[in-house]
Amino acid sequence: MSQPIFELVDNLPTNNMTVMMLKSLDFVVPGQWQNLVGFENTIREVTGETDEEMIQQIGDRAVWLYNDKSQGYQKAMWLYQIVDSADNALGAAALANKVGNRIPLLGGLLTKVTPNPDKAQSLDLCIKLVVELVAFCQINGIPGDSIGDFVTALADYSGESLMRMAALICVDGLIPLGPDFILKAQSILGDTSPRELDSNATFKEVKDLIPGDDTDSQLGFIGESFDSVKGWMSDFVADKDLTPERVFGKFQGFLEFSEDKLDYVAAFLDMTTNYYEHTGTQTLARRLIERAIAEI
């Protein structure tokens, strides 16, 4: 049994590196995200309810729904949590690679044991996108390979979910991979073998929940998913006039890095933030509360 949903929401931080990063991205999706913390507080905000007895009923029903193993809520929560813990390792590996390249004696050793940063970041971006798709399917009780439903739903994304996608584009796309991150990621994914995918730390963690009978078909599913969403991402970047420099400029309020060190910024954020888990917890709480109020 995983941690109760009310505890997860109650224990969300009100101010840490993740919160500062998400607040700095408000310019991308103005007013869409507020750091809702506390389960009862979230019920009040989502429903507008003030009656204590009704709030208790909604909370009890939401907790019951989350605990029901036949629903996909716990699996979605696990997915949001696990991609962030894998991210931490990715950031450490990327940083080791950078350090190795600057210290000749260590360079040969570290670059042999650490992955190519562009390849690792590209695969991380693609896998995170698929995790969003699979979690969406789990939350909504639809088959995990429903790419079309997910792409359609993206047009209506708002609040915490839209902020999560904005952060994915900015923090896992633009900052580490540059303005052509979509082309770069798709090209690298196309050159990735099933064996290479199997050695990817993030993929290893989520493999069991990604549709496909084997790694080869799962690689195909990841490619199909990315291809289906790249138009939405490209339009999002164009509509918001996003560039690595513009995003980095907003981060300078809480990060002290020079602009020529964007690769270090990406590794540092991978190691110090868990925006997927943070906003994912808020998304799950909102969906559970909305369903609970509809059923009461």
C-alpha atoms as a PDB file:
ATOM      1  CA  MET A   1       0.000   0.000   0.000  1.00  0.00           C
ATOM      2  CA  SER A   2       1.469   3.342  -0.991  1.00  0.00           C
ATOM      3  CA  GLN A   3       1.339   6.465   1.164  1.00  0.00           C
ATOM      4  CA  PRO A   4      -2.248   7.779   1.579  1.00  0.00           C
ATOM      5  CA  ILE A   5      -3.203  10.461  -0.940  1.00  0.00           C
ATOM      6  CA  PHE A   6      -4.151  12.923   1.802  1.00  0.00           C
ATOM      7  CA  GLU A   7      -0.646  12.605   3.297  1.00  0.00           C
ATOM      8  CA  LEU A   8       0.988  13.120  -0.089  1.00  0.00           C
ATOM      9  CA  VAL A   9      -0.980  16.349  -0.609  1.00  0.00           C
ATOM     10  CA  ASP A  10      -0.518  17.506   2.996  1.00  0.00           C
ATOM     11  CA  ASN A  11       3.252  16.981   2.737  1.00  0.00           C
ATOM     12  CA  LEU A  12       3.805  18.929  -0.485  1.00  0.00           C
ATOM     13  CA  PRO A  13       6.434  21.634   0.097  1.00  0.00           C
ATOM     14  CA  THR A  14       5.349  25.260   0.116  1.00  0.00           C
ATOM     15  CA  ASN A  15       8.780  26.580  -0.851  1.00  0.00           C
ATOM     16  CA  ASN A  16      11.737  24.631  -2.215  1.00  0.00           C
ATOM     17  CA  MET A  17      13.718  24.450  -5.459  1.00  0.00           C
ATOM     18  CA  THR A  18      10.829  22.774  -7.310  1.00  0.00           C
ATOM     19  CA  VAL A  19       8.334  25.428  -6.207  1.00  0.00           C
ATOM     20  CA  MET A  20      10.726  28.267  -7.118  1.00  0.00           C
ATOM     21  CA  MET A  21      11.311  26.748 -10.542  1.00  0.00           C
ATOM     22  CA  LEU A  22       7.585  26.296 -11.224  1.00  0.00           C
ATOM     23  CA  LYS A  23       6.821  29.841 -10.051  1.00  0.00           C
ATOM     24  CA  SER A  24       9.475  31.166 -12.412  1.00  0.00           C
ATOM     25  CA  LEU A  25       7.642  29.421 -15.289  1.00  0.00           C
ATOM     26  CA  ASP A  26       4.403  31.298 -14.596  1.00  0.00           C
ATOM     27  CA  PHE A  27       5.245  33.526 -17.582  1.00  0.00           C
ATOM     28  CA  VAL A  28       4.724  30.497 -19.857  1.00  0.00           C
ATOM     29  CA  VAL A  29       1.219  29.656 -18.579  1.00  0.00           C
ATOM     30  CA  PRO A  30       0.180  32.767 -16.594  1.00  0.00           C
ATOM     31  CA  GLY A  31      -2.087  32.068 -13.638  1.00  0.00           C
ATOM     32  CA  GLN A  32      -2.543  28.384 -14.503  1.00  0.00           C
ATOM     33  CA  TRP A  33      -0.622  26.998 -11.532  1.00  0.00           C
ATOM     34  CA  GLN A  34      -0.935  27.766  -7.864  1.00  0.00           C
ATOM     35  CA  ASN A  35       0.870  25.707  -5.279  1.00  0.00           C
ATOM     36  CA  LEU A  36      -2.151  24.054  -3.689  1.00  0.00           C
ATOM     37  CA  VAL A  37      -0.951  22.297  -0.533  1.00  0.00           C
ATOM     38  CA  GLY A  38      -3.066  20.378   1.995  1.00  0.00           C
ATOM     39  CA  PHE A  39      -5.806  17.887   1.187  1.00  0.00           C
ATOM     40  CA  GLU A  40      -8.655  19.734   2.928  1.00  0.00           C
ATOM     41  CA  ASN A  41      -7.462  23.024   1.467  1.00  0.00           C
ATOM     42  CA  THR A  42      -7.493  21.431  -2.005  1.00  0.00           C
ATOM     43  CA  ILE A  43     -11.071  20.160  -1.513  1.00  0.00           C
ATOM     44  CA  ARG A  44     -12.192  23.676  -0.566  1.00  0.00           C
ATOM     45  CA  GLU A  45     -10.405  25.221  -3.552  1.00  0.00           C
ATOM     46  CA  VAL A  46     -11.604  22.677  -6.137  1.00  0.00           C
ATOM     47  CA  THR A  47     -15.249  22.451  -4.969  1.00  0.00           C
ATOM     48  CA  GLY A  48     -15.872  25.827  -3.349  1.00  0.00           C
ATOM     49  CA  GLU A  49     -17.447  23.828  -0.503  1.00  0.00           C
ATOM     50  CA  THR A  50     -17.497  25.320   3.024  1.00  0.00           C
ATOM     51  CA  ASP A  51     -19.665  22.794   4.889  1.00  0.00           C
ATOM     52  CA  GLU A  52     -17.330  20.747   7.099  1.00  0.00           C
ATOM     53  CA  GLU A  53     -19.454  17.596   6.924  1.00  0.00           C
ATOM     54  CA  MET A  54     -19.565  17.739   3.122  1.00  0.00           C
ATOM     55  CA  ILE A  55     -15.812  18.359   2.941  1.00  0.00           C
ATOM     56  CA  GLN A  56     -15.289  15.264   5.104  1.00  0.00           C
ATOM     57  CA  GLN A  57     -17.546  13.168   2.837  1.00  0.00           C
ATOM     58  CA  ILE A  58     -15.719  14.326  -0.298  1.00  0.00           C
ATOM     59  CA  GLY A  59     -12.350  13.600   1.312  1.00  0.00           C
ATOM     60  CA  ASP A  60     -13.407  10.135   2.446  1.00  0.00           C
ATOM     61  CA  ARG A  61     -14.722   9.268  -1.016  1.00  0.00           C
ATOM     62  CA  ALA A  62     -11.553  10.579  -2.719  1.00  0.00           C
ATOM     63  CA  VAL A  63      -9.378   8.513  -0.366  1.00  0.00           C
ATOM     64  CA  TRP A  64     -11.530   5.421  -1.029  1.00  0.00           C
ATOM     65  CA  LEU A  65     -11.191   5.902  -4.804  1.00  0.00           C
ATOM     66  CA  TYR A  66      -7.398   6.275  -4.529  1.00  0.00           C
ATOM     67  CA  ASN A  67      -7.154   3.120  -2.397  1.00  0.00           C
ATOM     68  CA  ASP A  68      -9.206   1.055  -4.860  1.00  0.00           C
ATOM     69  CA  LYS A  69      -6.580  -1.035  -6.658  1.00  0.00           C
ATOM     70  CA  SER A  70      -8.926  -1.627  -9.602  1.00  0.00           C
ATOM     71  CA  GLN A  71      -8.566   2.078 -10.412  1.00  0.00           C
ATOM     72  CA  GLY A  72      -5.346   3.446 -11.907  1.00  0.00           C
ATOM     73  CA  TYR A  73      -4.705   6.291  -9.446  1.00  0.00           C
ATOM     74  CA  GLN A  74      -1.925   4.620  -7.447  1.00  0.00           C
ATOM     75  CA  LYS A  75      -0.152   3.513 -10.624  1.00  0.00           C
ATOM     76  CA  ALA A  76      -0.299   7.079 -11.968  1.00  0.00           C
ATOM     77  CA  MET A  77       1.154   8.398  -8.704  1.00  0.00           C
ATOM     78  CA  TRP A  78       3.944   5.833  -8.832  1.00  0.00           C
ATOM     79  CA  LEU A  79       4.773   6.874 -12.404  1.00  0.00           C
ATOM     80  CA  TYR A  80       5.009  10.551 -11.461  1.00  0.00           C
ATOM     81  CA  GLN A  81       7.262   9.684  -8.512  1.00  0.00           C
ATOM     82  CA  ILE A  82       9.559   7.249 -10.286  1.00  0.00           C
ATOM     83  CA  VAL A  83      10.473   9.459 -13.262  1.00  0.00           C
ATOM     84  CA  ASP A  84      11.668  12.124 -10.862  1.00  0.00           C
ATOM     85  CA  SER A  85      13.826   9.730  -8.844  1.00  0.00           C
ATOM     86  CA  ALA A  86      15.370   8.486 -12.105  1.00  0.00           C
ATOM     87  CA  ASP A  87      15.909  12.129 -13.106  1.00  0.00           C
ATOM     88  CA  ASN A  88      18.080  12.632 -10.053  1.00  0.00           C
ATOM     89  CA  ALA A  89      20.440   9.919 -11.250  1.00  0.00           C
ATOM     90  CA  LEU A  90      20.406  11.351 -14.786  1.00  0.00           C
ATOM     91  CA  GLY A  91      21.455  14.756 -13.460  1.00  0.00           C
ATOM     92  CA  ALA A  92      24.298  13.254 -11.438  1.00  0.00           C
ATOM     93  CA  ALA A  93      25.514  11.299 -14.480  1.00  0.00           C
ATOM     94  CA  ALA A  94      25.342  14.369 -16.725  1.00  0.00           C
ATOM     95  CA  LEU A  95      27.273  16.415 -14.174  1.00  0.00           C
ATOM     96  CA  ALA A  96      29.918  13.676 -13.923  1.00  0.00           C
ATOM     97  CA  ASN A  97      30.258  13.743 -17.712  1.00  0.00           C
ATOM     98  CA  LYS A  98      30.768  17.521 -17.679  1.00  0.00           C
ATOM     99  CA  VAL A  99      33.347  17.325 -14.909  1.00  0.00           C
ATOM    100  CA  GLY A 100      35.153  14.519 -16.698  1.00  0.00           C
ATOM    101  CA  ASN A 101      35.473  16.580 -19.871  1.00  0.00           C
ATOM    102  CA  ARG A 102      37.112  19.407 -17.906  1.00  0.00           C
ATOM    103  CA  ILE A 103      39.620  17.245 -16.020  1.00  0.00           C
ATOM    104  CA  PRO A 104      41.874  15.400 -18.498  1.00  0.00           C
ATOM    105  CA  LEU A 105      42.932  12.681 -16.059  1.00  0.00           C
ATOM    106  CA  LEU A 106      39.308  11.873 -15.208  1.00  0.00           C
ATOM    107  CA  GLY A 107      37.848  12.506 -18.633  1.00  0.00           C
ATOM    108  CA  GLY A 108      38.516   9.119 -20.187  1.00  0.00           C
ATOM    109  CA  LEU A 109      37.306   7.238 -17.134  1.00  0.00           C
ATOM    110  CA  LEU A 110      34.110   9.233 -16.531  1.00  0.00           C
ATOM    111  CA  THR A 111      32.994   9.435 -20.138  1.00  0.00           C
ATOM    112  CA  LYS A 112      33.242   5.638 -20.347  1.00  0.00           C
ATOM    113  CA  VAL A 113      30.877   5.144 -17.429  1.00  0.00           C
ATOM    114  CA  THR A 114      28.500   8.087 -17.981  1.00  0.00           C
ATOM    115  CA  PRO A 115      26.025   8.296 -20.890  1.00  0.00           C
ATOM    116  CA  ASN A 116      26.195  10.781 -23.734  1.00  0.00           C
ATOM    117  CA  PRO A 117      24.325  13.784 -22.233  1.00  0.00           C
ATOM    118  CA  ASP A 118      22.307  14.620 -25.368  1.00  0.00           C
ATOM    119  CA  LYS A 119      21.266  11.015 -25.804  1.00  0.00           C
ATOM    120  CA  ALA A 120      20.376  10.590 -22.128  1.00  0.00           C
ATOM    121  CA  GLN A 121      18.425  13.874 -22.046  1.00  0.00           C
ATOM    122  CA  SER A 122      16.588  13.078 -25.277  1.00  0.00           C
ATOM    123  CA  LEU A 123      15.521   9.649 -24.063  1.00  0.00           C
ATOM    124  CA  ASP A 124      14.524  11.160 -20.722  1.00  0.00           C
ATOM    125  CA  LEU A 125      12.313  13.718 -22.503  1.00  0.00           C
ATOM    126  CA  CYS A 126      10.651  11.045 -24.669  1.00  0.00           C
ATOM    127  CA  ILE A 127      10.091   8.636 -21.769  1.00  0.00           C
ATOM    128  CA  LYS A 128       8.671  11.393 -19.552  1.00  0.00           C
ATOM    129  CA  LEU A 129       6.228  12.268 -22.304  1.00  0.00           C
ATOM    130  CA  VAL A 130       5.096   8.636 -22.508  1.00  0.00           C
ATOM    131  CA  VAL A 131       4.787   8.515 -18.714  1.00  0.00           C
ATOM    132  CA  GLU A 132       2.445  11.515 -18.926  1.00  0.00           C
ATOM    133  CA  LEU A 133       0.394   9.666 -21.555  1.00  0.00           C
ATOM    134  CA  VAL A 134       0.228   6.418 -19.555  1.00  0.00           C
ATOM    135  CA  ALA A 135      -0.584   8.259 -16.299  1.00  0.00           C
ATOM    136  CA  PHE A 136      -3.350  10.160 -18.110  1.00  0.00           C
ATOM    137  CA  CYS A 137      -4.806   6.833 -19.264  1.00  0.00           C
ATOM    138  CA  GLN A 138      -4.562   5.347 -15.755  1.00  0.00           C
ATOM    139  CA  ILE A 139      -6.311   8.345 -14.181  1.00  0.00           C
ATOM    140  CA  ASN A 140      -9.098   8.306 -16.771  1.00  0.00           C
ATOM    141  CA  GLY A 141      -9.582   4.545 -16.827  1.00  0.00           C
ATOM    142  CA  ILE A 142      -8.806   4.088 -20.524  1.00  0.00           C
ATOM    143  CA  PRO A 143      -6.353   1.693 -22.264  1.00  0.00           C
ATOM    144  CA  GLY A 144      -2.717   2.685 -21.787  1.00  0.00           C
ATOM    145  CA  ASP A 145      -2.031   2.888 -25.515  1.00  0.00           C
ATOM    146  CA  SER A 146      -4.716   5.521 -26.210  1.00  0.00           C
ATOM    147  CA  ILE A 147      -2.417   8.018 -27.941  1.00  0.00           C
ATOM    148  CA  GLY A 148      -5.290   9.695 -29.789  1.00  0.00           C
ATOM    149  CA  ASP A 149      -7.270  10.332 -26.601  1.00  0.00           C
ATOM    150  CA  PHE A 150      -4.199  11.846 -24.960  1.00  0.00           C
ATOM    151  CA  VAL A 151      -3.387  14.151 -27.885  1.00  0.00           C
ATOM    152  CA  THR A 152      -7.014  15.330 -27.964  1.00  0.00           C
ATOM    153  CA  ALA A 153      -6.969  15.937 -24.195  1.00  0.00           C
ATOM    154  CA  LEU A 154      -3.774  18.020 -24.431  1.00  0.00           C
ATOM    155  CA  ALA A 155      -5.787  20.801 -26.063  1.00  0.00           C
ATOM    156  CA  ASP A 156      -7.807  21.045 -22.834  1.00  0.00           C
ATOM    157  CA  TYR A 157      -4.907  20.713 -20.380  1.00  0.00           C
ATOM    158  CA  SER A 158      -4.978  23.367 -17.673  1.00  0.00           C
ATOM    159  CA  GLY A 159      -3.778  24.036 -14.132  1.00  0.00           C
ATOM    160  CA  GLU A 160      -1.158  21.681 -12.701  1.00  0.00           C
ATOM    161  CA  SER A 161      -1.237  19.429 -15.777  1.00  0.00           C
ATOM    162  CA  LEU A 162      -0.511  22.277 -18.178  1.00  0.00           C
ATOM    163  CA  MET A 163       2.282  23.522 -15.917  1.00  0.00           C
ATOM    164  CA  ARG A 164       3.818  20.037 -15.915  1.00  0.00           C
ATOM    165  CA  MET A 165       3.892  20.006 -19.729  1.00  0.00           C
ATOM    166  CA  ALA A 166       5.296  23.552 -19.784  1.00  0.00           C
ATOM    167  CA  ALA A 167       8.069  22.470 -17.411  1.00  0.00           C
ATOM    168  CA  LEU A 168       8.735  19.360 -19.508  1.00  0.00           C
ATOM    169  CA  ILE A 169       9.223  21.515 -22.602  1.00  0.00           C
ATOM    170  CA  CYS A 170      11.363  24.131 -20.847  1.00  0.00           C
ATOM    171  CA  VAL A 171      13.401  22.098 -18.352  1.00  0.00           C
ATOM    172  CA  ASP A 172      13.760  18.796 -20.203  1.00  0.00           C
ATOM    173  CA  GLY A 173      13.632  20.155 -23.752  1.00  0.00           C
ATOM    174  CA  LEU A 174      14.838  23.701 -24.339  1.00  0.00           C
ATOM    175  CA  ILE A 175      17.431  24.052 -21.554  1.00  0.00           C
ATOM    176  CA  PRO A 176      19.418  20.816 -22.099  1.00  0.00           C
ATOM    177  CA  LEU A 177      18.837  20.276 -25.838  1.00  0.00           C
ATOM    178  CA  GLY A 178      18.417  23.773 -27.314  1.00  0.00           C
ATOM    179  CA  PRO A 179      15.805  25.385 -29.576  1.00  0.00           C
ATOM    180  CA  ASP A 180      15.708  22.354 -31.920  1.00  0.00           C
ATOM    181  CA  PHE A 181      15.010  19.948 -29.056  1.00  0.00           C
ATOM    182  CA  ILE A 182      12.079  18.279 -30.831  1.00  0.00           C
ATOM    183  CA  LEU A 183      14.116  17.406 -33.940  1.00  0.00           C
ATOM    184  CA  LYS A 184      17.122  16.417 -31.857  1.00  0.00           C
ATOM    185  CA  ALA A 185      15.121  14.137 -29.565  1.00  0.00           C
ATOM    186  CA  GLN A 186      13.286  12.512 -32.467  1.00  0.00           C
ATOM    187  CA  SER A 187      16.532  11.928 -34.350  1.00  0.00           C
ATOM    188  CA  ILE A 188      18.242  10.389 -31.310  1.00  0.00           C
ATOM    189  CA  LEU A 189      15.203   8.236 -30.555  1.00  0.00           C
ATOM    190  CA  GLY A 190      15.252   7.012 -34.148  1.00  0.00           C
ATOM    191  CA  ASP A 191      18.891   5.946 -33.749  1.00  0.00           C
ATOM    192  CA  THR A 192      18.276   4.175 -30.436  1.00  0.00           C
ATOM    193  CA  SER A 193      18.316   0.382 -30.381  1.00  0.00           C
ATOM    194  CA  PRO A 194      16.124  -1.727 -28.070  1.00  0.00           C
ATOM    195  CA  ARG A 195      19.298  -2.756 -26.228  1.00  0.00           C
ATOM    196  CA  GLU A 196      20.235   0.892 -25.597  1.00  0.00           C
ATOM    197  CA  LEU A 197      16.714   1.639 -24.383  1.00  0.00           C
ATOM    198  CA  ASP A 198      16.917  -1.325 -22.000  1.00  0.00           C
ATOM    199  CA  SER A 199      20.052   0.170 -20.450  1.00  0.00           C
ATOM    200  CA  ASN A 200      18.333   3.517 -19.807  1.00  0.00           C
ATOM    201  CA  ALA A 201      17.724   3.974 -16.064  1.00  0.00           C
ATOM    202  CA  THR A 202      14.390   5.784 -16.438  1.00  0.00           C
ATOM    203  CA  PHE A 203      13.035   3.240 -18.921  1.00  0.00           C
ATOM    204  CA  LYS A 204      14.048   0.350 -16.671  1.00  0.00           C
ATOM    205  CA  GLU A 205      11.919   1.786 -13.882  1.00  0.00           C
ATOM    206  CA  VAL A 206       8.733   2.351 -15.918  1.00  0.00           C
ATOM    207  CA  LYS A 207       9.096  -0.432 -18.496  1.00  0.00           C
ATOM    208  CA  ASP A 208       6.366  -2.627 -16.987  1.00  0.00           C
ATOM    209  CA  LEU A 209       3.696   0.041 -17.497  1.00  0.00           C
ATOM    210  CA  ILE A 210       4.633   1.088 -21.045  1.00  0.00           C
ATOM    211  CA  PRO A 211       2.479  -0.631 -23.702  1.00  0.00           C
ATOM    212  CA  GLY A 212       4.263  -3.257 -25.805  1.00  0.00           C
ATOM    213  CA  ASP A 213       5.121  -6.957 -25.634  1.00  0.00           C
ATOM    214  CA  ASP A 214       8.877  -6.380 -25.659  1.00  0.00           C
ATOM    215  CA  THR A 215      11.440  -3.559 -25.690  1.00  0.00           C
ATOM    216  CA  ASP A 216      11.344  -3.338 -29.478  1.00  0.00           C
ATOM    217  CA  SER A 217       7.582  -2.701 -29.558  1.00  0.00           C
ATOM    218  CA  GLN A 218       7.850  -0.363 -26.554  1.00  0.00           C
ATOM    219  CA  LEU A 219      10.486   1.650 -28.410  1.00  0.00           C
ATOM    220  CA  GLY A 220       8.039   1.863 -31.300  1.00  0.00           C
ATOM    221  CA  PHE A 221       5.291   3.044 -28.959  1.00  0.00           C
ATOM    222  CA  ILE A 222       7.552   5.747 -27.487  1.00  0.00           C
ATOM    223  CA  GLY A 223       8.422   6.913 -31.007  1.00  0.00           C
ATOM    224  CA  GLU A 224       4.770   6.953 -32.097  1.00  0.00           C
ATOM    225  CA  SER A 225       3.774   8.878 -28.964  1.00  0.00           C
ATOM    226  CA  PHE A 226       6.485  11.503 -29.440  1.00  0.00           C
ATOM    227  CA  ASP A 227       5.618  11.863 -33.117  1.00  0.00           C
ATOM    228  CA  SER A 228       1.952  12.419 -32.214  1.00  0.00           C
ATOM    229  CA  VAL A 229       2.718  15.126 -29.635  1.00  0.00           C
ATOM    230  CA  LYS A 230       5.549  16.971 -31.421  1.00  0.00           C
ATOM    231  CA  GLY A 231       3.085  19.211 -33.284  1.00  0.00           C
ATOM    232  CA  TRP A 232       1.461  20.290 -30.027  1.00  0.00           C
ATOM    233  CA  MET A 233       4.885  20.957 -28.469  1.00  0.00           C
ATOM    234  CA  SER A 234       6.108  22.885 -31.500  1.00  0.00           C
ATOM    235  CA  ASP A 235       2.978  25.065 -31.510  1.00  0.00           C
ATOM    236  CA  PHE A 236       3.317  25.612 -27.752  1.00  0.00           C
ATOM    237  CA  VAL A 237       6.919  26.831 -28.125  1.00  0.00           C
ATOM    238  CA  ALA A 238       5.984  29.120 -31.031  1.00  0.00           C
ATOM    239  CA  ASP A 239       2.848  30.515 -29.357  1.00  0.00           C
ATOM    240  CA  LYS A 240       4.729  31.306 -26.145  1.00  0.00           C
ATOM    241  CA  ASP A 241       7.840  32.555 -27.993  1.00  0.00           C
ATOM    242  CA  LEU A 242      10.032  30.251 -25.907  1.00  0.00           C
ATOM    243  CA  THR A 243      13.812  30.077 -26.241  1.00  0.00           C
ATOM    244  CA  PRO A 244      16.454  28.554 -23.953  1.00  0.00           C
ATOM    245  CA  GLU A 245      17.753  32.067 -23.186  1.00  0.00           C
ATOM    246  CA  ARG A 246      14.315  33.414 -22.270  1.00  0.00           C
ATOM    247  CA  VAL A 247      13.586  30.491 -19.959  1.00  0.00           C
ATOM    248  CA  PHE A 248      17.039  30.716 -18.387  1.00  0.00           C
ATOM    249  CA  GLY A 249      16.531  34.436 -17.801  1.00  0.00           C
ATOM    250  CA  LYS A 250      13.559  33.605 -15.554  1.00  0.00           C
ATOM    251  CA  PHE A 251      15.625  31.025 -13.651  1.00  0.00           C
ATOM    252  CA  GLN A 252      18.288  33.594 -12.794  1.00  0.00           C
ATOM    253  CA  GLY A 253      16.098  34.814  -9.949  1.00  0.00           C
ATOM    254  CA  PHE A 254      17.044  31.700  -7.968  1.00  0.00           C
ATOM    255  CA  LEU A 255      19.982  30.175  -9.874  1.00  0.00           C
ATOM    256  CA  GLU A 256      23.495  31.558 -10.225  1.00  0.00           C
ATOM    257  CA  PHE A 257      24.759  30.198 -13.524  1.00  0.00           C
ATOM    258  CA  SER A 258      26.107  32.042 -16.541  1.00  0.00           C
ATOM    259  CA  GLU A 259      24.212  31.689 -19.819  1.00  0.00           C
ATOM    260  CA  ASP A 260      26.922  29.539 -21.431  1.00  0.00           C
ATOM    261  CA  LYS A 261      26.355  26.873 -18.772  1.00  0.00           C
ATOM    262  CA  LEU A 262      22.836  25.758 -19.770  1.00  0.00           C
ATOM    263  CA  ASP A 263      23.928  22.113 -19.758  1.00  0.00           C
ATOM    264  CA  TYR A 264      24.978  22.475 -16.115  1.00  0.00           C
ATOM    265  CA  VAL A 265      21.643  24.143 -15.313  1.00  0.00           C
ATOM    266  CA  ALA A 266      19.776  21.166 -16.800  1.00  0.00           C
ATOM    267  CA  ALA A 267      21.804  18.675 -14.733  1.00  0.00           C
ATOM    268  CA  PHE A 268      21.395  20.759 -11.582  1.00  0.00           C
ATOM    269  CA  LEU A 269      17.605  20.995 -12.008  1.00  0.00           C
ATOM    270  CA  ASP A 270      17.375  17.249 -12.663  1.00  0.00           C
ATOM    271  CA  MET A 271      19.133  16.676  -9.330  1.00  0.00           C
ATOM    272  CA  THR A 272      17.268  19.237  -7.222  1.00  0.00           C
ATOM    273  CA  THR A 273      13.662  19.294  -8.468  1.00  0.00           C
ATOM    274  CA  ASN A 274      10.767  16.830  -8.652  1.00  0.00           C
ATOM    275  CA  TYR A 275       8.202  18.791 -10.639  1.00  0.00           C
ATOM    276  CA  TYR A 276       6.573  15.664 -12.115  1.00  0.00           C
ATOM    277  CA  GLU A 277       5.807  14.253  -8.660  1.00  0.00           C
ATOM    278  CA  HIS A 278       4.814  17.653  -7.234  1.00  0.00           C
ATOM    279  CA  THR A 279       2.363  18.660  -9.962  1.00  0.00           C
ATOM    280  CA  GLY A 280       1.317  15.027 -10.489  1.00  0.00           C
ATOM    281  CA  THR A 281       0.216  14.797  -6.851  1.00  0.00           C
ATOM    282  CA  GLN A 282      -1.818  17.985  -7.333  1.00  0.00           C
ATOM    283  CA  THR A 283      -3.364  16.686 -10.567  1.00  0.00           C
ATOM    284  CA  LEU A 284      -4.355  13.404  -8.907  1.00  0.00           C
ATOM    285  CA  ALA A 285      -5.849  15.179  -5.904  1.00  0.00           C
ATOM    286  CA  ARG A 286      -7.913  17.418  -8.177  1.00  0.00           C
ATOM    287  CA  ARG A 287      -9.191  14.515 -10.324  1.00  0.00           C
ATOM    288  CA  LEU A 288     -10.081  12.424  -7.253  1.00  0.00           C
ATOM    289  CA  ILE A 289     -11.929  15.324  -5.627  1.00  0.00           C
ATOM    290  CA  GLU A 290     -13.800  16.145  -8.859  1.00  0.00           C
ATOM    291  CA  ARG A 291     -14.871  12.522  -9.199  1.00  0.00           C
ATOM    292  CA  ALA A 292     -15.787  12.267  -5.499  1.00  0.00           C
ATOM    293  CA  ILE A 293     -18.051  15.334  -5.613  1.00  0.00           C
ATOM    294  CA  ALA A 294     -19.734  14.011  -8.774  1.00  0.00           C
ATOM    295  CA  GLU A 295     -20.458  10.673  -7.092  1.00  0.00           C
ATOM    296  CA  ILE A 296     -21.799  12.051  -3.814  1.00  0.00           C
END
